[in-house]
């Protein structure tokens, strides 16, 4: 099972279920920090992809999301699980080198396997997921 917080439409988050589903890999998409928290309470996660800019609350019925970022909170929740999954962090483009280095160090402290700057190309995400499966699961997807 793979869960990810690609809350924006378009890009890799829309394409992963169609590509990985036929391989027997379930992808679950959380569009807010609240939704991710609920999912983590009831589901097993083998790999997590966390978009740091995911909003804390779901979009309103009018399509407006409150943009309080929940990504750092989701990373903390994942790290505190009994068996924390390998986590890929997607972060927005960084304004300068100093902020980039600081953000990278913080994500790695929170247990990130990899940090990718957005926007993410599908090929880059698939390559990162391949590396996760190779390193953490010895080239075999974990059985549910």
N, C-alpha and C. Protein backbone atom coordinates (compact mmCIF):
# COMPACT_ATOMS: atom_id res chain seq x y z
N UNK A 1 0.85 -1.16 0.00
CA UNK A 1 0.00 0.00 0.00
C UNK A 1 0.90 1.23 0.00
N UNK A 2 0.53 2.18 -0.79
CA UNK A 2 1.27 3.41 -0.91
C UNK A 2 0.30 4.54 -0.64
N UNK A 3 0.68 5.46 0.20
CA UNK A 3 -0.18 6.61 0.43
C UNK A 3 0.60 7.87 0.12
N UNK A 4 -0.07 8.84 -0.38
CA UNK A 4 0.64 10.04 -0.74
C UNK A 4 -0.26 11.25 -0.58
N UNK A 5 0.39 12.36 -0.37
CA UNK A 5 -0.33 13.60 -0.14
C UNK A 5 -0.24 14.54 -1.32
N UNK A 6 -0.26 14.03 -2.51
CA UNK A 6 -0.27 14.89 -3.69
C UNK A 6 -1.65 15.49 -3.82
N UNK A 7 -1.90 16.56 -3.15
CA UNK A 7 -3.26 17.09 -3.05
C UNK A 7 -3.66 17.90 -4.26
N UNK A 8 -2.70 18.40 -5.02
CA UNK A 8 -3.04 19.16 -6.23
C UNK A 8 -3.35 18.19 -7.35
N UNK A 9 -4.29 18.58 -8.20
CA UNK A 9 -4.61 17.75 -9.36
C UNK A 9 -3.52 17.88 -10.41
N UNK A 10 -3.34 16.80 -11.15
CA UNK A 10 -2.33 16.79 -12.20
C UNK A 10 -1.02 16.23 -11.67
N UNK A 11 -0.16 15.90 -12.58
CA UNK A 11 1.16 15.42 -12.19
C UNK A 11 1.17 13.96 -11.78
N UNK A 12 2.24 13.59 -11.09
CA UNK A 12 2.46 12.19 -10.74
C UNK A 12 1.35 11.61 -9.87
N UNK A 13 0.75 12.42 -9.02
CA UNK A 13 -0.25 11.91 -8.08
C UNK A 13 -1.47 11.33 -8.79
N UNK A 14 -1.80 11.89 -9.94
CA UNK A 14 -2.93 11.36 -10.71
C UNK A 14 -2.55 10.11 -11.50
N UNK A 15 -1.29 9.95 -11.81
CA UNK A 15 -0.84 8.86 -12.67
C UNK A 15 -0.43 7.60 -11.93
N UNK A 16 -0.01 7.72 -10.68
CA UNK A 16 0.47 6.55 -9.94
C UNK A 16 -0.56 5.42 -9.81
N UNK A 17 -1.81 5.69 -9.45
CA UNK A 17 -2.77 4.58 -9.31
C UNK A 17 -2.93 3.78 -10.61
N UNK A 18 -2.98 4.45 -11.74
CA UNK A 18 -3.16 3.74 -13.01
C UNK A 18 -1.93 2.91 -13.36
N UNK A 19 -0.75 3.38 -13.00
CA UNK A 19 0.47 2.65 -13.31
C UNK A 19 0.75 1.51 -12.34
N UNK A 20 0.49 1.74 -11.06
CA UNK A 20 0.85 0.75 -10.04
C UNK A 20 -0.28 -0.21 -9.70
N UNK A 21 -1.51 0.19 -9.94
CA UNK A 21 -2.66 -0.67 -9.66
C UNK A 21 -2.59 -2.02 -10.33
N UNK A 22 -2.27 -2.09 -11.65
CA UNK A 22 -2.17 -3.40 -12.31
C UNK A 22 -1.09 -4.31 -11.72
N UNK A 23 -0.14 -3.73 -10.99
CA UNK A 23 0.90 -4.52 -10.34
C UNK A 23 0.47 -5.01 -8.96
N UNK A 24 -0.76 -4.67 -8.57
CA UNK A 24 -1.27 -5.08 -7.27
C UNK A 24 -0.90 -4.14 -6.14
N UNK A 25 -0.47 -2.93 -6.49
CA UNK A 25 -0.08 -1.95 -5.48
C UNK A 25 -1.22 -0.95 -5.33
N UNK A 26 -1.78 -0.88 -4.14
CA UNK A 26 -2.86 0.05 -3.86
C UNK A 26 -2.28 1.42 -3.52
N UNK A 27 -2.82 2.44 -4.15
CA UNK A 27 -2.41 3.81 -3.88
C UNK A 27 -3.59 4.55 -3.26
N UNK A 28 -3.34 5.19 -2.15
CA UNK A 28 -4.36 5.98 -1.48
C UNK A 28 -3.90 7.42 -1.44
N UNK A 29 -4.77 8.32 -1.79
CA UNK A 29 -4.42 9.73 -1.88
C UNK A 29 -5.16 10.51 -0.80
N UNK A 30 -4.40 11.22 -0.01
CA UNK A 30 -4.97 12.08 1.02
C UNK A 30 -4.81 13.52 0.56
N UNK A 31 -5.89 14.28 0.64
CA UNK A 31 -5.86 15.65 0.13
C UNK A 31 -5.75 16.70 1.24
N UNK A 32 -5.57 16.23 2.48
CA UNK A 32 -5.40 17.18 3.59
C UNK A 32 -4.69 16.46 4.73
N UNK A 33 -4.18 17.25 5.64
CA UNK A 33 -3.54 16.68 6.82
C UNK A 33 -4.53 15.91 7.68
N UNK A 34 -5.75 16.41 7.76
CA UNK A 34 -6.80 15.73 8.52
C UNK A 34 -7.07 14.35 7.91
N UNK A 35 -7.19 14.29 6.60
CA UNK A 35 -7.44 13.02 5.91
C UNK A 35 -6.26 12.06 6.10
N UNK A 36 -5.04 12.57 6.02
CA UNK A 36 -3.85 11.73 6.20
C UNK A 36 -3.80 11.17 7.62
N UNK A 37 -4.14 12.00 8.61
CA UNK A 37 -4.15 11.54 10.00
C UNK A 37 -5.15 10.41 10.20
N UNK A 38 -6.34 10.57 9.64
CA UNK A 38 -7.36 9.51 9.74
C UNK A 38 -6.89 8.24 9.06
N UNK A 39 -6.28 8.37 7.89
CA UNK A 39 -5.79 7.19 7.17
C UNK A 39 -4.73 6.45 7.98
N UNK A 40 -3.82 7.19 8.59
CA UNK A 40 -2.75 6.57 9.36
C UNK A 40 -3.28 5.84 10.59
N UNK A 41 -4.41 6.24 11.11
CA UNK A 41 -5.01 5.56 12.26
C UNK A 41 -5.56 4.19 11.90
N UNK A 42 -5.96 4.01 10.65
CA UNK A 42 -6.63 2.77 10.29
C UNK A 42 -5.93 1.94 9.22
N UNK A 43 -4.89 2.47 8.59
CA UNK A 43 -4.27 1.75 7.48
C UNK A 43 -2.81 1.44 7.73
N UNK A 44 -2.32 0.46 7.00
CA UNK A 44 -0.90 0.13 7.02
C UNK A 44 -0.27 0.80 5.81
N UNK A 45 0.84 1.45 6.03
CA UNK A 45 1.53 2.15 4.95
C UNK A 45 2.89 1.51 4.75
N UNK A 46 3.18 1.12 3.50
CA UNK A 46 4.48 0.54 3.17
C UNK A 46 5.45 1.60 2.65
N UNK A 47 4.93 2.56 1.91
CA UNK A 47 5.71 3.71 1.44
C UNK A 47 4.79 4.92 1.51
N UNK A 48 5.32 6.02 2.01
CA UNK A 48 4.54 7.25 2.06
C UNK A 48 5.21 8.30 1.19
N UNK A 49 4.40 9.02 0.45
CA UNK A 49 4.86 10.20 -0.28
C UNK A 49 4.13 11.38 0.34
N UNK A 50 4.90 12.33 0.85
CA UNK A 50 4.29 13.45 1.56
C UNK A 50 4.65 14.75 0.86
N UNK A 51 3.64 15.45 0.39
CA UNK A 51 3.81 16.78 -0.17
C UNK A 51 3.79 17.75 1.01
N UNK A 52 4.90 18.45 1.24
CA UNK A 52 4.98 19.33 2.40
C UNK A 52 3.96 20.45 2.37
N UNK A 53 3.45 20.77 1.21
CA UNK A 53 2.50 21.88 1.12
C UNK A 53 1.04 21.43 1.20
N UNK A 54 0.80 20.16 1.53
CA UNK A 54 -0.58 19.68 1.67
C UNK A 54 -1.27 20.52 2.75
N UNK A 55 -2.51 20.98 2.49
CA UNK A 55 -3.19 21.80 3.49
C UNK A 55 -3.65 20.96 4.69
N UNK A 56 -3.80 21.60 5.83
CA UNK A 56 -4.24 20.90 7.03
C UNK A 56 -5.69 20.44 6.90
N UNK A 57 -6.53 21.29 6.34
CA UNK A 57 -7.96 20.98 6.24
C UNK A 57 -8.33 20.73 4.79
N UNK A 58 -9.36 19.90 4.57
CA UNK A 58 -9.80 19.66 3.20
C UNK A 58 -10.37 20.93 2.58
N UNK A 59 -10.37 20.99 1.24
CA UNK A 59 -10.96 22.16 0.58
C UNK A 59 -12.43 22.32 0.98
N UNK A 60 -12.87 23.55 1.00
CA UNK A 60 -14.28 23.82 1.30
C UNK A 60 -15.13 23.37 0.11
N UNK A 61 -16.46 23.30 0.29
CA UNK A 61 -17.32 22.93 -0.84
C UNK A 61 -17.16 23.84 -2.05
N UNK A 62 -16.64 25.04 -1.83
CA UNK A 62 -16.44 25.98 -2.93
C UNK A 62 -15.07 25.80 -3.58
N UNK A 63 -14.31 24.78 -3.12
CA UNK A 63 -13.02 24.50 -3.72
C UNK A 63 -11.85 25.28 -3.14
N UNK A 64 -12.08 26.00 -2.06
CA UNK A 64 -11.02 26.79 -1.46
C UNK A 64 -10.40 26.01 -0.30
N UNK A 65 -9.11 25.83 -0.36
CA UNK A 65 -8.41 25.13 0.71
C UNK A 65 -7.71 26.15 1.61
N UNK A 66 -7.78 25.92 2.90
CA UNK A 66 -6.99 26.75 3.81
C UNK A 66 -5.57 26.24 3.71
N UNK A 67 -4.66 27.12 3.43
CA UNK A 67 -3.31 26.71 3.08
C UNK A 67 -2.34 26.60 4.24
N UNK A 68 -2.83 26.27 5.42
CA UNK A 68 -1.92 25.98 6.52
C UNK A 68 -1.26 24.64 6.17
N UNK A 69 0.06 24.61 5.94
CA UNK A 69 0.69 23.37 5.50
C UNK A 69 0.71 22.31 6.61
N UNK A 70 0.34 21.10 6.23
CA UNK A 70 0.29 19.99 7.18
C UNK A 70 1.42 18.98 6.95
N UNK A 71 2.20 19.18 5.90
CA UNK A 71 3.25 18.23 5.57
C UNK A 71 4.19 17.89 6.72
N UNK A 72 4.75 18.90 7.42
CA UNK A 72 5.63 18.59 8.55
C UNK A 72 4.94 17.76 9.64
N UNK A 73 3.67 18.04 9.88
CA UNK A 73 2.90 17.28 10.89
C UNK A 73 2.72 15.84 10.45
N UNK A 74 2.43 15.63 9.16
CA UNK A 74 2.27 14.27 8.64
C UNK A 74 3.59 13.50 8.76
N UNK A 75 4.71 14.16 8.50
CA UNK A 75 6.01 13.51 8.66
C UNK A 75 6.23 13.05 10.10
N UNK A 76 5.86 13.90 11.05
CA UNK A 76 6.01 13.54 12.47
C UNK A 76 5.13 12.33 12.81
N UNK A 77 3.91 12.32 12.31
CA UNK A 77 3.01 11.19 12.58
C UNK A 77 3.57 9.91 12.00
N UNK A 78 4.10 9.97 10.80
CA UNK A 78 4.69 8.78 10.18
C UNK A 78 5.88 8.27 10.99
N UNK A 79 6.72 9.18 11.43
CA UNK A 79 7.91 8.81 12.20
C UNK A 79 7.55 8.14 13.52
N UNK A 80 6.39 8.49 14.09
CA UNK A 80 5.99 7.95 15.39
C UNK A 80 5.25 6.62 15.29
N UNK A 81 4.98 6.16 14.08
CA UNK A 81 4.31 4.87 13.93
C UNK A 81 5.19 3.75 14.47
N UNK A 82 4.56 2.66 14.87
CA UNK A 82 5.31 1.51 15.37
C UNK A 82 6.33 1.04 14.34
N UNK A 83 5.93 1.00 13.09
CA UNK A 83 6.83 0.66 11.99
C UNK A 83 6.78 1.78 10.95
N UNK A 84 7.59 2.82 11.13
CA UNK A 84 7.54 3.94 10.19
C UNK A 84 7.92 3.49 8.78
N UNK A 85 7.13 3.89 7.79
CA UNK A 85 7.43 3.50 6.42
C UNK A 85 8.52 4.40 5.83
N UNK A 86 9.23 3.90 4.81
CA UNK A 86 10.11 4.82 4.09
C UNK A 86 9.24 5.93 3.49
N UNK A 87 9.76 7.14 3.56
CA UNK A 87 8.96 8.29 3.16
C UNK A 87 9.71 9.13 2.13
N UNK A 88 8.99 9.49 1.07
CA UNK A 88 9.49 10.39 0.05
C UNK A 88 8.81 11.73 0.29
N UNK A 89 9.60 12.77 0.43
CA UNK A 89 9.08 14.11 0.68
C UNK A 89 9.15 14.91 -0.62
N UNK A 90 8.02 15.53 -0.96
CA UNK A 90 7.95 16.45 -2.09
C UNK A 90 7.79 17.84 -1.50
N UNK A 91 8.70 18.72 -1.87
CA UNK A 91 8.63 20.07 -1.32
C UNK A 91 8.53 21.08 -2.46
N UNK A 92 7.95 22.24 -2.16
CA UNK A 92 7.85 23.27 -3.19
C UNK A 92 9.25 23.79 -3.54
N UNK A 93 9.38 24.41 -4.70
CA UNK A 93 10.69 25.00 -5.04
C UNK A 93 11.16 25.93 -3.94
N UNK A 94 12.44 25.87 -3.65
CA UNK A 94 13.01 26.64 -2.55
C UNK A 94 13.52 27.98 -3.05
N UNK A 95 13.34 29.06 -2.26
CA UNK A 95 13.71 30.40 -2.71
C UNK A 95 15.23 30.62 -2.83
N UNK A 96 16.01 29.92 -2.00
CA UNK A 96 17.46 30.11 -2.06
C UNK A 96 18.16 28.87 -1.52
N UNK A 97 19.46 28.83 -1.68
CA UNK A 97 20.25 27.66 -1.30
C UNK A 97 20.20 27.41 0.20
N UNK A 98 20.22 28.46 0.98
CA UNK A 98 20.20 28.30 2.44
C UNK A 98 18.90 27.65 2.90
N UNK A 99 17.77 28.15 2.41
CA UNK A 99 16.48 27.56 2.76
C UNK A 99 16.38 26.12 2.26
N UNK A 100 16.94 25.88 1.10
CA UNK A 100 16.93 24.53 0.53
C UNK A 100 17.69 23.56 1.44
N UNK A 101 18.88 23.94 1.87
CA UNK A 101 19.69 23.08 2.73
C UNK A 101 19.01 22.87 4.08
N UNK A 102 18.44 23.92 4.64
CA UNK A 102 17.75 23.82 5.93
C UNK A 102 16.54 22.88 5.82
N UNK A 103 15.76 23.05 4.75
CA UNK A 103 14.58 22.20 4.55
C UNK A 103 14.95 20.74 4.33
N UNK A 104 16.04 20.52 3.59
CA UNK A 104 16.51 19.15 3.36
C UNK A 104 16.94 18.50 4.67
N UNK A 105 17.71 19.21 5.47
CA UNK A 105 18.16 18.67 6.75
C UNK A 105 16.99 18.35 7.66
N UNK A 106 16.00 19.23 7.68
CA UNK A 106 14.82 19.01 8.53
C UNK A 106 14.04 17.77 8.08
N UNK A 107 13.84 17.61 6.78
CA UNK A 107 13.11 16.44 6.27
C UNK A 107 13.86 15.15 6.57
N UNK A 108 15.17 15.17 6.45
CA UNK A 108 15.96 13.98 6.74
C UNK A 108 15.92 13.64 8.23
N UNK A 109 15.91 14.66 9.08
CA UNK A 109 15.76 14.43 10.54
C UNK A 109 14.42 13.77 10.85
N UNK A 110 13.41 14.10 10.08
CA UNK A 110 12.08 13.52 10.27
C UNK A 110 11.96 12.14 9.66
N UNK A 111 13.05 11.62 9.11
CA UNK A 111 13.05 10.25 8.61
C UNK A 111 12.81 10.07 7.13
N UNK A 112 12.91 11.12 6.35
CA UNK A 112 12.67 11.01 4.91
C UNK A 112 13.73 10.14 4.25
N UNK A 113 13.30 9.27 3.34
CA UNK A 113 14.22 8.48 2.52
C UNK A 113 14.80 9.34 1.42
N UNK A 114 13.94 10.18 0.83
CA UNK A 114 14.36 11.06 -0.26
C UNK A 114 13.55 12.34 -0.19
N UNK A 115 14.13 13.40 -0.72
CA UNK A 115 13.46 14.70 -0.81
C UNK A 115 13.54 15.13 -2.26
N UNK A 116 12.38 15.43 -2.85
CA UNK A 116 12.30 15.83 -4.24
C UNK A 116 11.66 17.21 -4.31
N UNK A 117 12.29 18.10 -5.07
CA UNK A 117 11.70 19.42 -5.27
C UNK A 117 10.65 19.35 -6.36
N UNK A 118 9.49 20.00 -6.10
CA UNK A 118 8.42 20.03 -7.08
C UNK A 118 8.68 21.10 -8.12
N UNK A 119 7.99 21.06 -9.21
CA UNK A 119 7.05 20.01 -9.61
C UNK A 119 7.79 18.73 -9.97
N UNK A 120 7.19 17.60 -9.64
CA UNK A 120 7.83 16.29 -9.79
C UNK A 120 7.43 15.66 -11.11
N UNK A 121 8.42 15.22 -11.84
CA UNK A 121 8.14 14.46 -13.06
C UNK A 121 7.86 13.01 -12.66
N UNK A 122 6.94 12.38 -13.36
CA UNK A 122 6.55 11.01 -13.07
C UNK A 122 7.76 10.07 -13.08
N UNK A 123 8.64 10.22 -14.05
CA UNK A 123 9.81 9.34 -14.15
C UNK A 123 10.69 9.45 -12.91
N UNK A 124 10.84 10.66 -12.39
CA UNK A 124 11.65 10.86 -11.18
C UNK A 124 11.01 10.16 -9.98
N UNK A 125 9.70 10.25 -9.87
CA UNK A 125 9.01 9.60 -8.75
C UNK A 125 9.12 8.09 -8.87
N UNK A 126 8.92 7.55 -10.06
CA UNK A 126 9.01 6.10 -10.24
C UNK A 126 10.42 5.59 -9.93
N UNK A 127 11.43 6.33 -10.32
CA UNK A 127 12.80 5.94 -10.02
C UNK A 127 13.04 5.97 -8.51
N UNK A 128 12.53 6.97 -7.84
CA UNK A 128 12.68 7.05 -6.37
C UNK A 128 11.96 5.89 -5.70
N UNK A 129 10.76 5.56 -6.16
CA UNK A 129 10.02 4.42 -5.59
C UNK A 129 10.76 3.11 -5.84
N UNK A 130 11.39 2.98 -7.00
CA UNK A 130 12.18 1.77 -7.29
C UNK A 130 13.33 1.66 -6.29
N UNK A 131 13.99 2.78 -5.99
CA UNK A 131 15.08 2.77 -5.02
C UNK A 131 14.58 2.40 -3.62
N UNK A 132 13.40 2.89 -3.25
CA UNK A 132 12.82 2.54 -1.95
C UNK A 132 12.58 1.04 -1.86
N UNK A 133 11.95 0.48 -2.89
CA UNK A 133 11.64 -0.95 -2.88
C UNK A 133 12.93 -1.77 -2.85
N UNK A 134 13.93 -1.34 -3.61
CA UNK A 134 15.21 -2.07 -3.62
C UNK A 134 15.87 -2.04 -2.25
N UNK A 135 15.93 -0.87 -1.65
CA UNK A 135 16.67 -0.74 -0.39
C UNK A 135 15.91 -1.28 0.82
N UNK A 136 14.62 -0.98 0.92
CA UNK A 136 13.87 -1.35 2.11
C UNK A 136 13.19 -2.71 2.02
N UNK A 137 12.92 -3.15 0.81
CA UNK A 137 12.15 -4.39 0.66
C UNK A 137 12.86 -5.42 -0.23
N UNK A 138 14.15 -5.23 -0.46
CA UNK A 138 14.97 -6.19 -1.22
C UNK A 138 14.36 -6.55 -2.57
N UNK A 139 13.88 -5.53 -3.27
CA UNK A 139 13.32 -5.67 -4.63
C UNK A 139 12.00 -6.42 -4.69
N UNK A 140 11.34 -6.63 -3.55
CA UNK A 140 10.03 -7.30 -3.55
C UNK A 140 9.04 -6.44 -2.79
N UNK A 141 7.91 -6.17 -3.43
CA UNK A 141 6.88 -5.39 -2.77
C UNK A 141 6.36 -6.17 -1.57
N UNK A 142 6.21 -5.56 -0.40
CA UNK A 142 5.76 -6.29 0.79
C UNK A 142 4.33 -6.80 0.62
N UNK A 143 4.11 -8.00 1.09
CA UNK A 143 2.77 -8.60 1.03
C UNK A 143 1.90 -7.96 2.09
N UNK A 144 0.64 -7.78 1.74
CA UNK A 144 -0.30 -7.17 2.69
C UNK A 144 -0.80 -8.20 3.67
